[in-house]
Amino acid sequence: MGSKVHNYETKLEWTGNLGKGTQSYASYKRSYDIKIDGKPVLEGSSDPAFRGDPTKYNPEELFLASLSSCHMLWYLHLCSEAGITIVSYTDNAIGEMTEKANGSGAFSKVVLRPEVQILEVEMLKKAEALHKTANEMCFIANSCNFDVLHEPTTVLNE
């Protein structure tokens, strides 16, 4: 099968102009709206460490959520194909970003910590192993310049 190209569109609108634009570092808010046709508006801001609004999503959180959700979607798909019945999936993902002296930075580490409940006791090992395959398939993880680590817990739903 050949390659398929998928295209995505978002609209980003800065909403933080307090009337003076960016006349100074303190004269504006870091707030913005992410708009995607047919979907609710997602309100964002920078991390509070960078003068952001702590009640809004920041890019770093959204990046971590993208990795976590992409992994989950691939994992659920792979389990369904393998005859593993997932009845519960949660992930308490953590990410580490290192800021440089000049203010730039990059994520250096992400650890996904999925907690999965399955129905088939004989599939526990296979269910654990499929996290590696899900990571190899995840579009977002494949776009990172660092390894996305996994600390899964798989238990039998009783």
N, C-alpha and C. Protein backbone atom coordinates (compact mmCIF):
# COMPACT_ATOMS: atom_id res chain seq x y z
N MET A 1 0.85 -1.19 0.00
CA MET A 1 0.00 0.00 0.00
C MET A 1 0.89 1.24 0.00
N GLY A 2 0.55 2.21 -0.79
CA GLY A 2 1.31 3.44 -0.88
C GLY A 2 1.04 4.38 0.29
N SER A 3 1.77 5.45 0.31
CA SER A 3 1.58 6.45 1.35
C SER A 3 0.30 7.23 1.13
N LYS A 4 -0.33 7.60 2.22
CA LYS A 4 -1.51 8.46 2.19
C LYS A 4 -1.16 9.74 2.92
N VAL A 5 -1.56 10.85 2.37
CA VAL A 5 -1.33 12.14 3.02
C VAL A 5 -2.63 12.61 3.65
N HIS A 6 -2.56 12.99 4.91
CA HIS A 6 -3.72 13.55 5.62
C HIS A 6 -3.40 15.00 5.94
N ASN A 7 -4.34 15.87 5.71
CA ASN A 7 -4.15 17.30 5.96
C ASN A 7 -5.06 17.75 7.09
N TYR A 8 -4.57 18.67 7.88
CA TYR A 8 -5.32 19.19 9.03
C TYR A 8 -5.27 20.71 8.99
N GLU A 9 -6.34 21.32 9.46
CA GLU A 9 -6.41 22.78 9.52
C GLU A 9 -6.90 23.22 10.88
N THR A 10 -6.25 24.22 11.42
CA THR A 10 -6.71 24.87 12.64
C THR A 10 -6.62 26.37 12.42
N LYS A 11 -7.38 27.09 13.20
CA LYS A 11 -7.28 28.55 13.19
C LYS A 11 -6.90 28.96 14.60
N LEU A 12 -5.85 29.74 14.70
CA LEU A 12 -5.40 30.26 15.98
C LEU A 12 -5.64 31.76 16.00
N GLU A 13 -6.29 32.24 17.06
CA GLU A 13 -6.57 33.67 17.17
C GLU A 13 -6.10 34.17 18.53
N TRP A 14 -5.17 35.09 18.53
CA TRP A 14 -4.68 35.70 19.76
C TRP A 14 -5.78 36.56 20.34
N THR A 15 -6.11 36.38 21.61
CA THR A 15 -7.19 37.12 22.27
C THR A 15 -6.66 37.97 23.42
N GLY A 16 -5.35 38.13 23.50
CA GLY A 16 -4.74 38.78 24.66
C GLY A 16 -4.37 40.24 24.50
N ASN A 17 -4.85 40.92 23.46
CA ASN A 17 -4.54 42.34 23.30
C ASN A 17 -5.36 43.13 24.33
N LEU A 18 -4.68 43.79 25.23
CA LEU A 18 -5.34 44.59 26.26
C LEU A 18 -5.52 46.04 25.83
N GLY A 19 -5.32 46.32 24.55
CA GLY A 19 -5.51 47.66 24.02
C GLY A 19 -4.21 48.33 23.60
N LYS A 20 -3.08 47.79 24.04
CA LYS A 20 -1.79 48.37 23.69
C LYS A 20 -0.93 47.40 22.89
N GLY A 21 -1.49 46.26 22.52
CA GLY A 21 -0.71 45.28 21.78
C GLY A 21 0.49 44.81 22.58
N THR A 22 1.58 44.64 21.89
CA THR A 22 2.80 44.14 22.54
C THR A 22 3.81 45.26 22.78
N GLN A 23 3.31 46.40 23.24
CA GLN A 23 4.21 47.52 23.51
C GLN A 23 5.28 47.18 24.53
N SER A 24 4.94 46.30 25.46
CA SER A 24 5.94 45.84 26.43
C SER A 24 5.62 44.39 26.77
N TYR A 25 6.55 43.74 27.44
CA TYR A 25 6.39 42.33 27.80
C TYR A 25 5.19 42.12 28.72
N ALA A 26 4.85 43.12 29.50
CA ALA A 26 3.75 43.00 30.45
C ALA A 26 2.43 43.61 29.94
N SER A 27 2.43 44.14 28.73
CA SER A 27 1.24 44.86 28.25
C SER A 27 0.20 43.98 27.57
N TYR A 28 0.42 42.68 27.51
CA TYR A 28 -0.52 41.81 26.81
C TYR A 28 -0.66 40.47 27.54
N LYS A 29 -1.79 39.83 27.27
CA LYS A 29 -2.00 38.49 27.80
C LYS A 29 -1.57 37.47 26.76
N ARG A 30 -1.29 36.29 27.24
CA ARG A 30 -0.83 35.21 26.35
C ARG A 30 -1.99 34.32 25.89
N SER A 31 -3.20 34.81 25.98
CA SER A 31 -4.39 34.03 25.68
C SER A 31 -4.66 33.94 24.18
N TYR A 32 -5.22 32.80 23.79
CA TYR A 32 -5.57 32.57 22.39
C TYR A 32 -6.69 31.55 22.32
N ASP A 33 -7.35 31.50 21.19
CA ASP A 33 -8.37 30.50 20.92
C ASP A 33 -7.91 29.62 19.77
N ILE A 34 -8.14 28.33 19.91
CA ILE A 34 -7.91 27.39 18.82
C ILE A 34 -9.27 27.02 18.28
N LYS A 35 -9.44 27.24 16.98
CA LYS A 35 -10.73 26.99 16.35
C LYS A 35 -10.55 25.95 15.24
N ILE A 36 -11.43 24.95 15.29
CA ILE A 36 -11.45 23.92 14.26
C ILE A 36 -12.91 23.79 13.84
N ASP A 37 -13.16 23.87 12.56
CA ASP A 37 -14.53 23.85 12.05
C ASP A 37 -15.35 22.72 12.66
N GLY A 38 -16.53 23.07 13.17
CA GLY A 38 -17.46 22.10 13.70
C GLY A 38 -17.16 21.60 15.09
N LYS A 39 -16.17 22.21 15.77
CA LYS A 39 -15.78 21.75 17.11
C LYS A 39 -15.79 22.93 18.08
N PRO A 40 -15.92 22.63 19.39
CA PRO A 40 -15.88 23.72 20.38
C PRO A 40 -14.53 24.44 20.36
N VAL A 41 -14.54 25.70 20.68
CA VAL A 41 -13.32 26.48 20.77
C VAL A 41 -12.52 26.01 21.98
N LEU A 42 -11.22 25.90 21.80
CA LEU A 42 -10.32 25.50 22.87
C LEU A 42 -9.53 26.74 23.29
N GLU A 43 -9.69 27.13 24.54
CA GLU A 43 -8.99 28.32 25.03
C GLU A 43 -7.61 27.96 25.54
N GLY A 44 -6.61 28.68 25.06
CA GLY A 44 -5.25 28.41 25.45
C GLY A 44 -4.54 29.64 25.96
N SER A 45 -3.39 29.39 26.58
CA SER A 45 -2.53 30.44 27.08
C SER A 45 -1.14 29.83 27.23
N SER A 46 -0.18 30.64 27.58
CA SER A 46 1.13 30.06 27.88
C SER A 46 1.10 29.47 29.29
N ASP A 47 2.11 28.70 29.59
CA ASP A 47 2.26 28.14 30.93
C ASP A 47 2.34 29.31 31.93
N PRO A 48 1.80 29.16 33.13
CA PRO A 48 1.89 30.24 34.11
C PRO A 48 3.34 30.70 34.38
N ALA A 49 4.30 29.82 34.18
CA ALA A 49 5.71 30.21 34.35
C ALA A 49 6.13 31.27 33.33
N PHE A 50 5.34 31.39 32.26
CA PHE A 50 5.64 32.36 31.21
C PHE A 50 4.51 33.38 31.07
N ARG A 51 3.95 33.78 32.20
CA ARG A 51 2.92 34.80 32.31
C ARG A 51 1.57 34.36 31.75
N GLY A 52 1.33 33.06 31.72
CA GLY A 52 0.09 32.54 31.17
C GLY A 52 -1.02 32.41 32.19
N ASP A 53 -2.21 32.17 31.68
CA ASP A 53 -3.42 31.99 32.48
C ASP A 53 -3.51 30.52 32.90
N PRO A 54 -3.44 30.25 34.20
CA PRO A 54 -3.45 28.86 34.66
C PRO A 54 -4.78 28.14 34.45
N THR A 55 -5.84 28.86 34.08
CA THR A 55 -7.14 28.23 33.85
C THR A 55 -7.31 27.75 32.41
N LYS A 56 -6.33 28.03 31.56
CA LYS A 56 -6.42 27.65 30.15
C LYS A 56 -5.33 26.64 29.81
N TYR A 57 -5.58 25.87 28.75
CA TYR A 57 -4.62 24.88 28.31
C TYR A 57 -3.39 25.55 27.72
N ASN A 58 -2.21 25.01 28.03
CA ASN A 58 -1.00 25.56 27.42
C ASN A 58 -0.44 24.56 26.40
N PRO A 59 0.42 25.03 25.50
CA PRO A 59 0.93 24.16 24.44
C PRO A 59 1.63 22.90 24.97
N GLU A 60 2.33 23.04 26.08
CA GLU A 60 3.04 21.89 26.64
C GLU A 60 2.06 20.81 27.11
N GLU A 61 0.96 21.22 27.75
CA GLU A 61 -0.07 20.26 28.17
C GLU A 61 -0.73 19.61 26.96
N LEU A 62 -1.00 20.40 25.94
CA LEU A 62 -1.64 19.87 24.74
C LEU A 62 -0.72 18.89 24.01
N PHE A 63 0.56 19.17 24.02
CA PHE A 63 1.54 18.26 23.41
C PHE A 63 1.54 16.92 24.14
N LEU A 64 1.59 16.97 25.47
CA LEU A 64 1.57 15.76 26.27
C LEU A 64 0.26 14.99 26.07
N ALA A 65 -0.85 15.72 26.04
CA ALA A 65 -2.15 15.08 25.80
C ALA A 65 -2.21 14.45 24.41
N SER A 66 -1.59 15.06 23.43
CA SER A 66 -1.56 14.49 22.07
C SER A 66 -0.81 13.17 22.05
N LEU A 67 0.33 13.12 22.72
CA LEU A 67 1.09 11.87 22.79
C LEU A 67 0.29 10.79 23.50
N SER A 68 -0.31 11.14 24.62
CA SER A 68 -1.06 10.19 25.43
C SER A 68 -2.27 9.65 24.66
N SER A 69 -3.02 10.53 24.03
CA SER A 69 -4.23 10.09 23.33
C SER A 69 -3.92 9.32 22.06
N CYS A 70 -2.87 9.70 21.35
CA CYS A 70 -2.48 8.96 20.14
C CYS A 70 -2.07 7.55 20.51
N HIS A 71 -1.29 7.41 21.58
CA HIS A 71 -0.87 6.09 22.04
C HIS A 71 -2.10 5.25 22.41
N MET A 72 -3.02 5.84 23.17
CA MET A 72 -4.21 5.11 23.59
C MET A 72 -5.02 4.62 22.39
N LEU A 73 -5.23 5.48 21.42
CA LEU A 73 -6.04 5.10 20.26
C LEU A 73 -5.41 3.95 19.48
N TRP A 74 -4.08 4.00 19.30
CA TRP A 74 -3.40 2.89 18.64
C TRP A 74 -3.48 1.63 19.50
N TYR A 75 -3.29 1.76 20.79
CA TYR A 75 -3.33 0.61 21.70
C TYR A 75 -4.70 -0.07 21.67
N LEU A 76 -5.76 0.70 21.76
CA LEU A 76 -7.11 0.14 21.71
C LEU A 76 -7.34 -0.60 20.39
N HIS A 77 -6.89 -0.01 19.30
CA HIS A 77 -7.01 -0.64 17.98
C HIS A 77 -6.28 -1.98 17.95
N LEU A 78 -5.03 -1.97 18.40
CA LEU A 78 -4.23 -3.20 18.38
C LEU A 78 -4.82 -4.28 19.27
N CYS A 79 -5.33 -3.89 20.43
CA CYS A 79 -5.95 -4.86 21.33
C CYS A 79 -7.22 -5.45 20.71
N SER A 80 -8.01 -4.61 20.08
CA SER A 80 -9.24 -5.13 19.46
C SER A 80 -8.90 -6.14 18.37
N GLU A 81 -7.84 -5.88 17.61
CA GLU A 81 -7.40 -6.83 16.57
C GLU A 81 -6.85 -8.13 17.16
N ALA A 82 -6.26 -8.04 18.36
CA ALA A 82 -5.62 -9.20 18.99
C ALA A 82 -6.58 -10.01 19.86
N GLY A 83 -7.84 -9.58 19.94
CA GLY A 83 -8.81 -10.30 20.74
C GLY A 83 -8.70 -10.01 22.23
N ILE A 84 -8.14 -8.85 22.56
CA ILE A 84 -8.03 -8.43 23.96
C ILE A 84 -9.13 -7.41 24.24
N THR A 85 -9.94 -7.68 25.24
CA THR A 85 -11.06 -6.79 25.57
C THR A 85 -10.62 -5.82 26.65
N ILE A 86 -10.45 -4.57 26.26
CA ILE A 86 -10.11 -3.50 27.21
C ILE A 86 -11.42 -2.95 27.75
N VAL A 87 -11.54 -2.87 29.08
CA VAL A 87 -12.76 -2.32 29.67
C VAL A 87 -12.49 -0.99 30.39
N SER A 88 -11.21 -0.65 30.59
CA SER A 88 -10.87 0.62 31.22
C SER A 88 -9.45 1.00 30.80
N TYR A 89 -9.26 2.29 30.52
CA TYR A 89 -7.93 2.79 30.14
C TYR A 89 -7.80 4.21 30.68
N THR A 90 -6.81 4.45 31.49
CA THR A 90 -6.47 5.79 31.94
C THR A 90 -4.96 5.96 31.80
N ASP A 91 -4.51 7.17 31.65
CA ASP A 91 -3.08 7.44 31.54
C ASP A 91 -2.77 8.69 32.34
N ASN A 92 -1.81 8.59 33.21
CA ASN A 92 -1.31 9.73 33.98
C ASN A 92 0.08 10.07 33.46
N ALA A 93 0.10 10.68 32.30
CA ALA A 93 1.35 10.97 31.59
C ALA A 93 2.10 12.12 32.25
N ILE A 94 3.42 12.04 32.16
CA ILE A 94 4.28 13.12 32.66
C ILE A 94 5.28 13.50 31.58
N GLY A 95 5.63 14.77 31.54
CA GLY A 95 6.60 15.24 30.57
C GLY A 95 7.59 16.17 31.22
N GLU A 96 8.79 16.17 30.70
CA GLU A 96 9.84 17.04 31.21
C GLU A 96 10.36 17.91 30.07
N MET A 97 10.30 19.22 30.29
CA MET A 97 10.80 20.18 29.32
C MET A 97 11.94 20.93 29.98
N THR A 98 13.02 21.09 29.27
CA THR A 98 14.17 21.81 29.80
C THR A 98 14.25 23.17 29.11
N GLU A 99 14.25 24.21 29.91
CA GLU A 99 14.37 25.57 29.38
C GLU A 99 15.83 25.98 29.40
N LYS A 100 16.28 26.56 28.32
CA LYS A 100 17.67 27.03 28.21
C LYS A 100 17.79 28.46 28.70
N ALA A 101 19.00 28.91 28.90
CA ALA A 101 19.26 30.25 29.42
C ALA A 101 18.67 31.33 28.51
N ASN A 102 18.61 31.07 27.20
CA ASN A 102 18.09 32.08 26.27
C ASN A 102 16.57 32.08 26.18
N GLY A 103 15.90 31.19 26.96
CA GLY A 103 14.45 31.15 26.97
C GLY A 103 13.86 30.07 26.07
N SER A 104 14.66 29.53 25.15
CA SER A 104 14.16 28.43 24.33
C SER A 104 14.14 27.16 25.16
N GLY A 105 13.65 26.10 24.60
CA GLY A 105 13.64 24.85 25.34
C GLY A 105 13.09 23.73 24.50
N ALA A 106 13.05 22.56 25.09
CA ALA A 106 12.52 21.39 24.38
C ALA A 106 12.15 20.32 25.39
N PHE A 107 11.19 19.52 25.01
CA PHE A 107 10.87 18.34 25.81
C PHE A 107 12.04 17.38 25.68
N SER A 108 12.44 16.81 26.78
CA SER A 108 13.52 15.84 26.78
C SER A 108 13.04 14.47 27.22
N LYS A 109 11.85 14.43 27.80
CA LYS A 109 11.35 13.16 28.32
C LYS A 109 9.84 13.21 28.45
N VAL A 110 9.21 12.13 28.03
CA VAL A 110 7.79 11.91 28.27
C VAL A 110 7.64 10.46 28.71
N VAL A 111 6.88 10.27 29.77
CA VAL A 111 6.57 8.92 30.24
C VAL A 111 5.05 8.78 30.27
N LEU A 112 4.57 7.84 29.47
CA LEU A 112 3.15 7.50 29.51
C LEU A 112 2.99 6.39 30.55
N ARG A 113 1.96 6.52 31.38
CA ARG A 113 1.74 5.55 32.46
C ARG A 113 0.31 5.01 32.38
N PRO A 114 0.01 4.30 31.29
CA PRO A 114 -1.35 3.78 31.13
C PRO A 114 -1.69 2.70 32.16
N GLU A 115 -2.91 2.79 32.64
CA GLU A 115 -3.47 1.77 33.53
C GLU A 115 -4.64 1.16 32.79
N VAL A 116 -4.51 -0.13 32.48
CA VAL A 116 -5.44 -0.82 31.61
C VAL A 116 -6.07 -2.00 32.34
N GLN A 117 -7.37 -2.15 32.16
CA GLN A 117 -8.08 -3.34 32.67
C GLN A 117 -8.57 -4.14 31.48
N ILE A 118 -8.28 -5.45 31.53
CA ILE A 118 -8.72 -6.34 30.46
C ILE A 118 -9.58 -7.46 31.04
N LEU A 119 -10.26 -8.18 30.16
CA LEU A 119 -11.12 -9.28 30.59
C LEU A 119 -10.43 -10.65 30.56
N GLU A 120 -9.48 -10.86 29.65
CA GLU A 120 -8.91 -12.18 29.42
C GLU A 120 -7.59 -12.35 30.17
N VAL A 121 -7.58 -13.19 31.21
CA VAL A 121 -6.38 -13.41 32.02
C VAL A 121 -5.22 -13.93 31.18
N GLU A 122 -5.52 -14.77 30.19
CA GLU A 122 -4.46 -15.36 29.36
C GLU A 122 -3.81 -14.33 28.42
N MET A 123 -4.36 -13.14 28.35
CA MET A 123 -3.84 -12.11 27.44
C MET A 123 -3.05 -11.01 28.16
N LEU A 124 -2.80 -11.17 29.45
CA LEU A 124 -2.11 -10.11 30.21
C LEU A 124 -0.75 -9.76 29.60
N LYS A 125 0.06 -10.75 29.29
CA LYS A 125 1.40 -10.47 28.73
C LYS A 125 1.30 -9.84 27.35
N LYS A 126 0.39 -10.34 26.53
CA LYS A 126 0.21 -9.78 25.19
C LYS A 126 -0.26 -8.32 25.28
N ALA A 127 -1.16 -8.06 26.23
CA ALA A 127 -1.67 -6.69 26.42
C ALA A 127 -0.53 -5.75 26.80
N GLU A 128 0.36 -6.20 27.67
CA GLU A 128 1.52 -5.37 28.05
C GLU A 128 2.42 -5.13 26.83
N ALA A 129 2.67 -6.18 26.06
CA ALA A 129 3.58 -6.09 24.92
C ALA A 129 3.06 -5.15 23.83
N LEU A 130 1.77 -5.02 23.71
CA LEU A 130 1.22 -4.18 22.64
C LEU A 130 1.48 -2.68 22.84
N HIS A 131 1.91 -2.28 24.03
CA HIS A 131 2.28 -0.87 24.22
C HIS A 131 3.47 -0.50 23.35
N LYS A 132 4.40 -1.43 23.18
CA LYS A 132 5.57 -1.17 22.33
C LYS A 132 5.12 -0.95 20.88
N THR A 133 4.22 -1.80 20.42
CA THR A 133 3.72 -1.66 19.04
C THR A 133 2.93 -0.36 18.88
N ALA A 134 2.11 -0.04 19.87
CA ALA A 134 1.34 1.22 19.81
C ALA A 134 2.29 2.41 19.71
N ASN A 135 3.38 2.38 20.46
CA ASN A 135 4.37 3.46 20.40
C ASN A 135 4.99 3.55 19.01
N GLU A 136 5.28 2.40 18.40
CA GLU A 136 5.87 2.39 17.06
C GLU A 136 4.90 2.91 16.01
N MET A 137 3.61 2.78 16.25
CA MET A 137 2.60 3.21 15.29
C MET A 137 2.12 4.64 15.49
N CYS A 138 2.28 5.18 16.68
CA CYS A 138 1.73 6.50 17.04
C CYS A 138 2.33 7.61 16.17
N PHE A 139 1.45 8.32 15.48
CA PHE A 139 1.89 9.41 14.60
C PHE A 139 2.63 10.51 15.38
N ILE A 140 2.14 10.82 16.55
CA ILE A 140 2.74 11.91 17.33
C ILE A 140 4.10 11.48 17.89
N ALA A 141 4.17 10.28 18.45
CA ALA A 141 5.45 9.78 18.98
C ALA A 141 6.50 9.69 17.87
N ASN A 142 6.07 9.31 16.67
CA ASN A 142 7.00 9.22 15.54
C ASN A 142 7.49 10.59 15.10
N SER A 143 6.86 11.63 15.54
CA SER A 143 7.25 12.99 15.16
C SER A 143 8.18 13.63 16.20
N CYS A 144 8.46 12.93 17.28
CA CYS A 144 9.29 13.48 18.36
C CYS A 144 10.76 13.17 18.13
N ASN A 145 11.62 14.03 18.66
CA ASN A 145 13.06 13.81 18.55
C ASN A 145 13.63 13.23 19.85
N PHE A 146 12.78 12.59 20.65
CA PHE A 146 13.18 11.91 21.88
C PHE A 146 12.30 10.68 22.03
N ASP A 147 12.74 9.74 22.84
CA ASP A 147 11.96 8.53 23.07
C ASP A 147 10.79 8.82 23.99
N VAL A 148 9.65 8.26 23.65
CA VAL A 148 8.48 8.31 24.52
C VAL A 148 8.48 6.99 25.30
N LEU A 149 8.62 7.10 26.60
CA LEU A 149 8.73 5.91 27.46
C LEU A 149 7.37 5.48 27.96
N HIS A 150 7.29 4.23 28.42
CA HIS A 150 6.03 3.68 28.88
C HIS A 150 6.23 2.91 30.17
N GLU A 151 5.33 3.12 31.10
CA GLU A 151 5.29 2.38 32.36
C GLU A 151 3.86 1.87 32.53
N PRO A 152 3.46 0.87 31.74
CA PRO A 152 2.07 0.42 31.78
C PRO A 152 1.79 -0.49 32.97
N THR A 153 0.55 -0.46 33.40
CA THR A 153 0.03 -1.40 34.39
C THR A 153 -1.19 -2.05 33.75
N THR A 154 -1.18 -3.35 33.67
CA THR A 154 -2.31 -4.07 33.09
C THR A 154 -2.83 -5.04 34.14
N VAL A 155 -4.12 -4.96 34.41
CA VAL A 155 -4.73 -5.83 35.42
C VAL A 155 -5.98 -6.47 34.84
N LEU A 156 -6.37 -7.55 35.50
CA LEU A 156 -7.58 -8.26 35.11
C LEU A 156 -8.78 -7.56 35.74
N ASN A 157 -9.81 -7.32 34.95
CA ASN A 157 -11.04 -6.73 35.48
C ASN A 157 -11.82 -7.83 36.20
N GLU A 158 -11.96 -7.67 37.49
CA GLU A 158 -12.66 -8.71 38.26
C GLU A 158 -13.94 -8.18 38.86
